[in-house]
Amino acid sequence: MSRRVWTGVVLAAGLMAAAVGYGYSRPGATATLLSRHSMPAMQAPAREVAITPEGKLFHDPSCPYIHGKPEMVSAQEAARRGYTPCPRCLGKYLRR
């Protein structure tokens, strides 16, 4: 390949890397979600929610889909840690 083509490829790759990096480092960016497939919360419930160390979702304390020993934290704290709402018990808080 010619030098001009390689220069274009390197320039394009650098621009793409910078664009992706900007999305993760900009001020006000949210926490990295624990799952790539999670949807962030549209708003957080104004009550405590249940999380588990091995889980990726936060739940209503009465949710039958909690696996493991739950820890109670505020919904804001759960979101800050990267947890997202359970689609079964807190689906109304998901972005759609």
PDB file of N, CA and C in Angstrom:
ATOM      1  N   MET A   1       0.837  -1.177   0.000  1.00  0.00           N
ATOM      2  CA  MET A   1       0.000   0.000   0.000  1.00  0.00           C
ATOM      3  C   MET A   1       0.883   1.241   0.000  1.00  0.00           C
ATOM      4  N   SER A   2       0.335   2.285  -0.506  1.00  0.00           N
ATOM      5  CA  SER A   2       1.107   3.523  -0.573  1.00  0.00           C
ATOM      6  C   SER A   2       1.119   4.220   0.788  1.00  0.00           C
ATOM      7  N   ARG A   3       2.051   5.109   0.927  1.00  0.00           N
ATOM      8  CA  ARG A   3       2.195   5.861   2.161  1.00  0.00           C
ATOM      9  C   ARG A   3       0.948   6.715   2.436  1.00  0.00           C
ATOM     10  N   ARG A   4       0.340   7.238   1.401  1.00  0.00           N
ATOM     11  CA  ARG A   4      -0.849   8.077   1.544  1.00  0.00           C
ATOM     12  C   ARG A   4      -2.015   7.264   2.122  1.00  0.00           C
ATOM     13  N   VAL A   5      -2.174   6.015   1.676  1.00  0.00           N
ATOM     14  CA  VAL A   5      -3.255   5.170   2.176  1.00  0.00           C
ATOM     15  C   VAL A   5      -3.029   4.860   3.655  1.00  0.00           C
ATOM     16  N   TRP A   6      -1.804   4.495   4.029  1.00  0.00           N
ATOM     17  CA  TRP A   6      -1.491   4.193   5.421  1.00  0.00           C
ATOM     18  C   TRP A   6      -1.706   5.411   6.310  1.00  0.00           C
ATOM     19  N   THR A   7      -1.351   6.566   5.838  1.00  0.00           N
ATOM     20  CA  THR A   7      -1.557   7.786   6.604  1.00  0.00           C
ATOM     21  C   THR A   7      -3.052   8.002   6.847  1.00  0.00           C
ATOM     22  N   GLY A   8      -3.866   7.775   5.836  1.00  0.00           N
ATOM     23  CA  GLY A   8      -5.318   7.918   5.981  1.00  0.00           C
ATOM     24  C   GLY A   8      -5.898   6.915   6.957  1.00  0.00           C
ATOM     25  N   VAL A   9      -5.408   5.670   6.904  1.00  0.00           N
ATOM     26  CA  VAL A   9      -5.895   4.632   7.813  1.00  0.00           C
ATOM     27  C   VAL A   9      -5.539   4.988   9.259  1.00  0.00           C
ATOM     28  N   VAL A  10      -4.303   5.404   9.486  1.00  0.00           N
ATOM     29  CA  VAL A  10      -3.867   5.760  10.834  1.00  0.00           C
ATOM     30  C   VAL A  10      -4.643   6.970  11.343  1.00  0.00           C
ATOM     31  N   LEU A  11      -4.855   7.955  10.508  1.00  0.00           N
ATOM     32  CA  LEU A  11      -5.615   9.141  10.895  1.00  0.00           C
ATOM     33  C   LEU A  11      -7.060   8.778  11.246  1.00  0.00           C
ATOM     34  N   ALA A  12      -7.692   7.945  10.430  1.00  0.00           N
ATOM     35  CA  ALA A  12      -9.073   7.528  10.692  1.00  0.00           C
ATOM     36  C   ALA A  12      -9.159   6.743  12.002  1.00  0.00           C
ATOM     37  N   ALA A  13      -8.208   5.841  12.233  1.00  0.00           N
ATOM     38  CA  ALA A  13      -8.220   5.053  13.477  1.00  0.00           C
ATOM     39  C   ALA A  13      -8.030   5.967  14.690  1.00  0.00           C
ATOM     40  N   GLY A  14      -7.172   6.944  14.575  1.00  0.00           N
ATOM     41  CA  GLY A  14      -6.960   7.883  15.675  1.00  0.00           C
ATOM     42  C   GLY A  14      -8.194   8.705  15.981  1.00  0.00           C
ATOM     43  N   LEU A  15      -8.888   9.142  14.951  1.00  0.00           N
ATOM     44  CA  LEU A  15     -10.116   9.919  15.157  1.00  0.00           C
ATOM     45  C   LEU A  15     -11.199   9.065  15.814  1.00  0.00           C
ATOM     46  N   MET A  16     -11.315   7.804  15.391  1.00  0.00           N
ATOM     47  CA  MET A  16     -12.320   6.917  15.989  1.00  0.00           C
ATOM     48  C   MET A  16     -11.981   6.644  17.448  1.00  0.00           C
ATOM     49  N   ALA A  17     -10.717   6.408  17.755  1.00  0.00           N
ATOM     50  CA  ALA A  17     -10.313   6.159  19.140  1.00  0.00           C
ATOM     51  C   ALA A  17     -10.572   7.388  20.010  1.00  0.00           C
ATOM     52  N   ALA A  18     -10.308   8.563  19.482  1.00  0.00           N
ATOM     53  CA  ALA A  18     -10.554   9.791  20.239  1.00  0.00           C
ATOM     54  C   ALA A  18     -12.049   9.981  20.489  1.00  0.00           C
ATOM     55  N   ALA A  19     -12.871   9.678  19.506  1.00  0.00           N
ATOM     56  CA  ALA A  19     -14.324   9.833  19.665  1.00  0.00           C
ATOM     57  C   ALA A  19     -14.852   8.873  20.719  1.00  0.00           C
ATOM     58  N   VAL A  20     -14.381   7.631  20.711  1.00  0.00           N
ATOM     59  CA  VAL A  20     -14.822   6.653  21.703  1.00  0.00           C
ATOM     60  C   VAL A  20     -14.323   7.062  23.079  1.00  0.00           C
ATOM     61  N   GLY A  21     -13.084   7.478  23.188  1.00  0.00           N
ATOM     62  CA  GLY A  21     -12.530   7.903  24.466  1.00  0.00           C
ATOM     63  C   GLY A  21     -13.249   9.099  25.040  1.00  0.00           C
ATOM     64  N   TYR A  22     -13.685  10.014  24.202  1.00  0.00           N
ATOM     65  CA  TYR A  22     -14.417  11.190  24.668  1.00  0.00           C
ATOM     66  C   TYR A  22     -15.726  10.782  25.332  1.00  0.00           C
ATOM     67  N   GLY A  23     -16.384   9.782  24.796  1.00  0.00           N
ATOM     68  CA  GLY A  23     -17.649   9.332  25.365  1.00  0.00           C
ATOM     69  C   GLY A  23     -17.517   8.786  26.775  1.00  0.00           C
ATOM     70  N   TYR A  24     -16.348   8.250  27.128  1.00  0.00           N
ATOM     71  CA  TYR A  24     -16.150   7.671  28.447  1.00  0.00           C
ATOM     72  C   TYR A  24     -15.503   8.627  29.431  1.00  0.00           C
ATOM     73  N   SER A  25     -14.915   9.710  28.957  1.00  0.00           N
ATOM     74  CA  SER A  25     -14.192  10.577  29.870  1.00  0.00           C
ATOM     75  C   SER A  25     -14.812  11.953  30.027  1.00  0.00           C
ATOM     76  N   ARG A  26     -15.910  12.198  29.374  1.00  0.00           N
ATOM     77  CA  ARG A  26     -16.480  13.536  29.467  1.00  0.00           C
ATOM     78  C   ARG A  26     -17.079  13.764  30.850  1.00  0.00           C
ATOM     79  N   PRO A  27     -17.062  14.994  31.322  1.00  0.00           N
ATOM     80  CA  PRO A  27     -17.629  15.299  32.635  1.00  0.00           C
ATOM     81  C   PRO A  27     -19.110  14.965  32.668  1.00  0.00           C
ATOM     82  N   GLY A  28     -19.575  14.429  33.775  1.00  0.00           N
ATOM     83  CA  GLY A  28     -20.982  14.090  33.922  1.00  0.00           C
ATOM     84  C   GLY A  28     -21.334  12.737  33.364  1.00  0.00           C
ATOM     85  N   ALA A  29     -20.357  11.968  32.858  1.00  0.00           N
ATOM     86  CA  ALA A  29     -20.642  10.639  32.334  1.00  0.00           C
ATOM     87  C   ALA A  29     -21.064   9.735  33.487  1.00  0.00           C
ATOM     88  N   THR A  30     -21.963   8.817  33.228  1.00  0.00           N
ATOM     89  CA  THR A  30     -22.441   7.913  34.256  1.00  0.00           C
ATOM     90  C   THR A  30     -21.450   6.781  34.474  1.00  0.00           C
ATOM     91  N   ALA A  31     -21.651   6.039  35.528  1.00  0.00           N
ATOM     92  CA  ALA A  31     -20.777   4.916  35.842  1.00  0.00           C
ATOM     93  C   ALA A  31     -20.853   3.874  34.734  1.00  0.00           C
ATOM     94  N   THR A  32     -19.780   3.131  34.578  1.00  0.00           N
ATOM     95  CA  THR A  32     -19.776   2.043  33.621  1.00  0.00           C
ATOM     96  C   THR A  32     -20.738   0.978  34.114  1.00  0.00           C
ATOM     97  N   LEU A  33     -21.650   0.555  33.258  1.00  0.00           N
ATOM     98  CA  LEU A  33     -22.635  -0.434  33.646  1.00  0.00           C
ATOM     99  C   LEU A  33     -21.973  -1.794  33.809  1.00  0.00           C
ATOM    100  N   LEU A  34     -22.489  -2.605  34.709  1.00  0.00           N
ATOM    101  CA  LEU A  34     -21.918  -3.918  34.974  1.00  0.00           C
ATOM    102  C   LEU A  34     -22.161  -4.881  33.815  1.00  0.00           C
ATOM    103  N   SER A  35     -23.149  -4.627  33.005  1.00  0.00           N
ATOM    104  CA  SER A  35     -23.440  -5.470  31.850  1.00  0.00           C
ATOM    105  C   SER A  35     -23.540  -4.611  30.603  1.00  0.00           C
ATOM    106  N   ARG A  36     -22.928  -5.053  29.511  1.00  0.00           N
ATOM    107  CA  ARG A  36     -23.005  -4.321  28.246  1.00  0.00           C
ATOM    108  C   ARG A  36     -24.435  -4.245  27.738  1.00  0.00           C
ATOM    109  N   HIS A  37     -25.262  -5.198  28.149  1.00  0.00           N
ATOM    110  CA  HIS A  37     -26.623  -5.282  27.623  1.00  0.00           C
ATOM    111  C   HIS A  37     -27.650  -4.580  28.504  1.00  0.00           C
ATOM    112  N   SER A  38     -27.199  -3.963  29.569  1.00  0.00           N
ATOM    113  CA  SER A  38     -28.103  -3.274  30.474  1.00  0.00           C
ATOM    114  C   SER A  38     -28.555  -1.951  29.897  1.00  0.00           C
ATOM    115  N   MET A  39     -29.744  -1.554  30.278  1.00  0.00           N
ATOM    116  CA  MET A  39     -30.247  -0.232  29.915  1.00  0.00           C
ATOM    117  C   MET A  39     -30.181   0.631  31.173  1.00  0.00           C
ATOM    118  N   PRO A  40     -29.641   1.842  31.071  1.00  0.00           N
ATOM    119  CA  PRO A  40     -29.575   2.693  32.262  1.00  0.00           C
ATOM    120  C   PRO A  40     -30.962   3.123  32.716  1.00  0.00           C
ATOM    121  N   ALA A  41     -31.058   3.489  33.971  1.00  0.00           N
ATOM    122  CA  ALA A  41     -32.324   3.930  34.530  1.00  0.00           C
ATOM    123  C   ALA A  41     -32.700   5.299  33.985  1.00  0.00           C
ATOM    124  N   MET A  42     -33.977   5.481  33.688  1.00  0.00           N
ATOM    125  CA  MET A  42     -34.486   6.777  33.261  1.00  0.00           C
ATOM    126  C   MET A  42     -34.569   7.695  34.475  1.00  0.00           C
ATOM    127  N   GLN A  43     -34.996   7.140  35.585  1.00  0.00           N
ATOM    128  CA  GLN A  43     -35.015   7.829  36.865  1.00  0.00           C
ATOM    129  C   GLN A  43     -34.869   6.746  37.928  1.00  0.00           C
ATOM    130  N   ALA A  44     -34.410   7.116  39.083  1.00  0.00           N
ATOM    131  CA  ALA A  44     -34.195   6.140  40.145  1.00  0.00           C
ATOM    132  C   ALA A  44     -35.353   6.183  41.133  1.00  0.00           C
ATOM    133  N   PRO A  45     -35.750   5.029  41.653  1.00  0.00           N
ATOM    134  CA  PRO A  45     -36.795   5.028  42.677  1.00  0.00           C
ATOM    135  C   PRO A  45     -36.325   5.799  43.906  1.00  0.00           C
ATOM    136  N   ALA A  46     -37.246   6.389  44.621  1.00  0.00           N
ATOM    137  CA  ALA A  46     -36.902   7.191  45.804  1.00  0.00           C
ATOM    138  C   ALA A  46     -36.927   6.330  47.065  1.00  0.00           C
ATOM    139  N   ARG A  47     -36.498   5.088  46.940  1.00  0.00           N
ATOM    140  CA  ARG A  47     -36.468   4.188  48.095  1.00  0.00           C
ATOM    141  C   ARG A  47     -35.229   3.297  47.992  1.00  0.00           C
ATOM    142  N   GLU A  48     -34.998   2.516  49.038  1.00  0.00           N
ATOM    143  CA  GLU A  48     -33.866   1.596  49.009  1.00  0.00           C
ATOM    144  C   GLU A  48     -34.179   0.422  48.094  1.00  0.00           C
ATOM    145  N   VAL A  49     -33.135  -0.086  47.486  1.00  0.00           N
ATOM    146  CA  VAL A  49     -33.255  -1.230  46.589  1.00  0.00           C
ATOM    147  C   VAL A  49     -32.258  -2.298  47.037  1.00  0.00           C
ATOM    148  N   ALA A  50     -32.431  -3.501  46.516  1.00  0.00           N
ATOM    149  CA  ALA A  50     -31.572  -4.620  46.884  1.00  0.00           C
ATOM    150  C   ALA A  50     -30.578  -4.896  45.764  1.00  0.00           C
ATOM    151  N   ILE A  51     -29.311  -5.079  46.134  1.00  0.00           N
ATOM    152  CA  ILE A  51     -28.273  -5.477  45.181  1.00  0.00           C
ATOM    153  C   ILE A  51     -27.537  -6.682  45.761  1.00  0.00           C
ATOM    154  N   THR A  52     -26.868  -7.433  44.896  1.00  0.00           N
ATOM    155  CA  THR A  52     -26.022  -8.537  45.336  1.00  0.00           C
ATOM    156  C   THR A  52     -24.651  -8.372  44.694  1.00  0.00           C
ATOM    157  N   PRO A  53     -23.596  -8.818  45.376  1.00  0.00           N
ATOM    158  CA  PRO A  53     -22.250  -8.648  44.826  1.00  0.00           C
ATOM    159  C   PRO A  53     -22.064  -9.320  43.459  1.00  0.00           C
ATOM    160  N   GLU A  54     -22.719 -10.456  43.245  1.00  0.00           N
ATOM    161  CA  GLU A  54     -22.554 -11.150  41.978  1.00  0.00           C
ATOM    162  C   GLU A  54     -23.586 -10.744  40.920  1.00  0.00           C
ATOM    163  N   GLY A  55     -24.509  -9.864  41.287  1.00  0.00           N
ATOM    164  CA  GLY A  55     -25.552  -9.439  40.358  1.00  0.00           C
ATOM    165  C   GLY A  55     -25.171  -8.193  39.573  1.00  0.00           C
ATOM    166  N   LYS A  56     -26.031  -7.849  38.607  1.00  0.00           N
ATOM    167  CA  LYS A  56     -25.832  -6.670  37.770  1.00  0.00           C
ATOM    168  C   LYS A  56     -27.035  -5.733  37.837  1.00  0.00           C
ATOM    169  N   LEU A  57     -28.086  -6.179  38.518  1.00  0.00           N
ATOM    170  CA  LEU A  57     -29.336  -5.425  38.575  1.00  0.00           C
ATOM    171  C   LEU A  57     -29.634  -5.014  40.009  1.00  0.00           C
ATOM    172  N   PHE A  58     -30.402  -3.916  40.145  1.00  0.00           N
ATOM    173  CA  PHE A  58     -30.959  -3.631  41.465  1.00  0.00           C
ATOM    174  C   PHE A  58     -32.438  -3.930  41.422  1.00  0.00           C
ATOM    175  N   HIS A  59     -32.953  -4.394  42.572  1.00  0.00           N
ATOM    176  CA  HIS A  59     -34.307  -4.937  42.647  1.00  0.00           C
ATOM    177  C   HIS A  59     -35.123  -4.259  43.736  1.00  0.00           C
ATOM    178  N   ASP A  60     -36.444  -4.356  43.579  1.00  0.00           N
ATOM    179  CA  ASP A  60     -37.353  -4.065  44.669  1.00  0.00           C
ATOM    180  C   ASP A  60     -37.061  -5.148  45.715  1.00  0.00           C
ATOM    181  N   PRO A  61     -37.040  -4.807  47.009  1.00  0.00           N
ATOM    182  CA  PRO A  61     -36.710  -5.816  48.023  1.00  0.00           C
ATOM    183  C   PRO A  61     -37.599  -7.065  47.988  1.00  0.00           C
ATOM    184  N   SER A  62     -38.813  -6.974  47.456  1.00  0.00           N
ATOM    185  CA  SER A  62     -39.706  -8.135  47.411  1.00  0.00           C
ATOM    186  C   SER A  62     -39.609  -8.927  46.101  1.00  0.00           C
ATOM    187  N   CYS A  63     -38.680  -8.574  45.216  1.00  0.00           N
ATOM    188  CA  CYS A  63     -38.554  -9.247  43.915  1.00  0.00           C
ATOM    189  C   CYS A  63     -38.133 -10.711  44.110  1.00  0.00           C
ATOM    190  N   PRO A  64     -38.826 -11.648  43.466  1.00  0.00           N
ATOM    191  CA  PRO A  64     -38.455 -13.065  43.602  1.00  0.00           C
ATOM    192  C   PRO A  64     -37.211 -13.438  42.780  1.00  0.00           C
ATOM    193  N   TYR A  65     -36.683 -12.533  41.977  1.00  0.00           N
ATOM    194  CA  TYR A  65     -35.545 -12.836  41.110  1.00  0.00           C
ATOM    195  C   TYR A  65     -34.206 -12.391  41.706  1.00  0.00           C
ATOM    196  N   ILE A  66     -34.174 -12.023  42.980  1.00  0.00           N
ATOM    197  CA  ILE A  66     -32.918 -11.675  43.637  1.00  0.00           C
ATOM    198  C   ILE A  66     -32.173 -12.981  43.914  1.00  0.00           C
ATOM    199  N   HIS A  67     -30.949 -13.072  43.463  1.00  0.00           N
ATOM    200  CA  HIS A  67     -30.130 -14.260  43.683  1.00  0.00           C
ATOM    201  C   HIS A  67     -28.971 -13.894  44.595  1.00  0.00           C
ATOM    202  N   GLY A  68     -28.871 -14.579  45.720  1.00  0.00           N
ATOM    203  CA  GLY A  68     -27.803 -14.288  46.675  1.00  0.00           C
ATOM    204  C   GLY A  68     -28.322 -13.451  47.823  1.00  0.00           C
ATOM    205  N   LYS A  69     -27.417 -13.142  48.741  1.00  0.00           N
ATOM    206  CA  LYS A  69     -27.770 -12.338  49.912  1.00  0.00           C
ATOM    207  C   LYS A  69     -27.807 -10.873  49.516  1.00  0.00           C
ATOM    208  N   PRO A  70     -28.976 -10.237  49.614  1.00  0.00           N
ATOM    209  CA  PRO A  70     -29.078  -8.845  49.176  1.00  0.00           C
ATOM    210  C   PRO A  70     -28.507  -7.853  50.181  1.00  0.00           C
ATOM    211  N   GLU A  71     -28.006  -6.767  49.644  1.00  0.00           N
ATOM    212  CA  GLU A  71     -27.555  -5.617  50.427  1.00  0.00           C
ATOM    213  C   GLU A  71     -28.490  -4.466  50.063  1.00  0.00           C
ATOM    214  N   MET A  72     -28.975  -3.748  51.061  1.00  0.00           N
ATOM    215  CA  MET A  72     -29.884  -2.646  50.815  1.00  0.00           C
ATOM    216  C   MET A  72     -29.086  -1.346  50.682  1.00  0.00           C
ATOM    217  N   VAL A  73     -29.301  -0.641  49.580  1.00  0.00           N
ATOM    218  CA  VAL A  73     -28.665   0.655  49.327  1.00  0.00           C
ATOM    219  C   VAL A  73     -29.692   1.553  48.663  1.00  0.00           C
ATOM    220  N   SER A  74     -29.405   2.838  48.595  1.00  0.00           N
ATOM    221  CA  SER A  74     -30.309   3.734  47.873  1.00  0.00           C
ATOM    222  C   SER A  74     -30.203   3.433  46.383  1.00  0.00           C
ATOM    223  N   ALA A  75     -31.236   3.741  45.645  1.00  0.00           N
ATOM    224  CA  ALA A  75     -31.218   3.508  44.202  1.00  0.00           C
ATOM    225  C   ALA A  75     -30.127   4.335  43.528  1.00  0.00           C
ATOM    226  N   GLN A  76     -29.884   5.541  44.033  1.00  0.00           N
ATOM    227  CA  GLN A  76     -28.830   6.383  43.475  1.00  0.00           C
ATOM    228  C   GLN A  76     -27.456   5.744  43.672  1.00  0.00           C
ATOM    229  N   GLU A  77     -27.228   5.155  44.840  1.00  0.00           N
ATOM    230  CA  GLU A  77     -25.952   4.483  45.111  1.00  0.00           C
ATOM    231  C   GLU A  77     -25.793   3.249  44.222  1.00  0.00           C
ATOM    232  N   ALA A  78     -26.868   2.489  44.038  1.00  0.00           N
ATOM    233  CA  ALA A  78     -26.807   1.312  43.169  1.00  0.00           C
ATOM    234  C   ALA A  78     -26.451   1.728  41.741  1.00  0.00           C
ATOM    235  N   ALA A  79     -27.080   2.786  41.241  1.00  0.00           N
ATOM    236  CA  ALA A  79     -26.782   3.271  39.889  1.00  0.00           C
ATOM    237  C   ALA A  79     -25.345   3.773  39.802  1.00  0.00           C
ATOM    238  N   ARG A  80     -24.856   4.442  40.850  1.00  0.00           N
ATOM    239  CA  ARG A  80     -23.486   4.935  40.863  1.00  0.00           C
ATOM    240  C   ARG A  80     -22.491   3.780  40.783  1.00  0.00           C
ATOM    241  N   ARG A  81     -22.844   2.644  41.362  1.00  0.00           N
ATOM    242  CA  ARG A  81     -21.981   1.464  41.333  1.00  0.00           C
ATOM    243  C   ARG A  81     -22.084   0.685  40.016  1.00  0.00           C
ATOM    244  N   GLY A  82     -22.991   1.080  39.138  1.00  0.00           N
ATOM    245  CA  GLY A  82     -23.109   0.434  37.838  1.00  0.00           C
ATOM    246  C   GLY A  82     -24.266  -0.534  37.704  1.00  0.00           C
ATOM    247  N   TYR A  83     -25.067  -0.676  38.755  1.00  0.00           N
ATOM    248  CA  TYR A  83     -26.235  -1.553  38.685  1.00  0.00           C
ATOM    249  C   TYR A  83     -27.341  -0.865  37.884  1.00  0.00           C
ATOM    250  N   THR A  84     -28.197  -1.653  37.271  1.00  0.00           N
ATOM    251  CA  THR A  84     -29.336  -1.126  36.519  1.00  0.00           C
ATOM    252  C   THR A  84     -30.619  -1.761  37.047  1.00  0.00           C
ATOM    253  N   PRO A  85     -31.779  -1.147  36.799  1.00  0.00           N
ATOM    254  CA  PRO A  85     -33.040  -1.686  37.330  1.00  0.00           C
ATOM    255  C   PRO A  85     -33.379  -3.062  36.759  1.00  0.00           C
ATOM    256  N   CYS A  86     -33.938  -3.898  37.605  1.00  0.00           N
ATOM    257  CA  CYS A  86     -34.444  -5.206  37.174  1.00  0.00           C
ATOM    258  C   CYS A  86     -35.624  -4.954  36.242  1.00  0.00           C
ATOM    259  N   PRO A  87     -35.629  -5.521  35.042  1.00  0.00           N
ATOM    260  CA  PRO A  87     -36.746  -5.265  34.129  1.00  0.00           C
ATOM    261  C   PRO A  87     -38.056  -5.887  34.608  1.00  0.00           C
ATOM    262  N   ARG A  88     -38.006  -6.850  35.518  1.00  0.00           N
ATOM    263  CA  ARG A  88     -39.231  -7.494  35.994  1.00  0.00           C
ATOM    264  C   ARG A  88     -39.920  -6.693  37.090  1.00  0.00           C
ATOM    265  N   CYS A  89     -39.142  -6.248  38.089  1.00  0.00           N
ATOM    266  CA  CYS A  89     -39.779  -5.570  39.226  1.00  0.00           C
ATOM    267  C   CYS A  89     -39.669  -4.047  39.158  1.00  0.00           C
ATOM    268  N   LEU A  90     -38.698  -3.511  38.399  1.00  0.00           N
ATOM    269  CA  LEU A  90     -38.518  -2.060  38.298  1.00  0.00           C
ATOM    270  C   LEU A  90     -38.462  -1.603  36.842  1.00  0.00           C
ATOM    271  N   GLY A  91     -39.132  -2.320  35.965  1.00  0.00           N
ATOM    272  CA  GLY A  91     -39.095  -2.021  34.531  1.00  0.00           C
ATOM    273  C   GLY A  91     -39.585  -0.619  34.183  1.00  0.00           C
ATOM    274  N   LYS A  92     -40.460  -0.063  35.007  1.00  0.00           N
ATOM    275  CA  LYS A  92     -40.980   1.271  34.699  1.00  0.00           C
ATOM    276  C   LYS A  92     -39.899   2.346  34.808  1.00  0.00           C
ATOM    277  N   TYR A  93     -38.754   2.020  35.419  1.00  0.00           N
ATOM    278  CA  TYR A  93     -37.667   2.989  35.563  1.00  0.00           C
ATOM    279  C   TYR A  93     -36.621   2.883  34.448  1.00  0.00           C
ATOM    280  N   LEU A  94     -36.811   1.964  33.507  1.00  0.00           N
ATOM    281  CA  LEU A  94     -35.847   1.776  32.418  1.00  0.00           C
ATOM    282  C   LEU A  94     -36.101   2.736  31.276  1.00  0.00           C
ATOM    283  N   ARG A  95     -35.019   3.110  30.578  1.00  0.00           N
ATOM    284  CA  ARG A  95     -35.157   3.882  29.338  1.00  0.00           C
ATOM    285  C   ARG A  95     -35.598   2.942  28.255  1.00  0.00           C
ATOM    286  N   ARG A  96     -36.556   3.332  27.504  1.00  0.00           N
ATOM    287  CA  ARG A  96     -37.050   2.476  26.404  1.00  0.00           C
ATOM    288  C   ARG A  96     -37.007   3.242  25.125  1.00  0.00           C
TER     289      ARG A  96
END
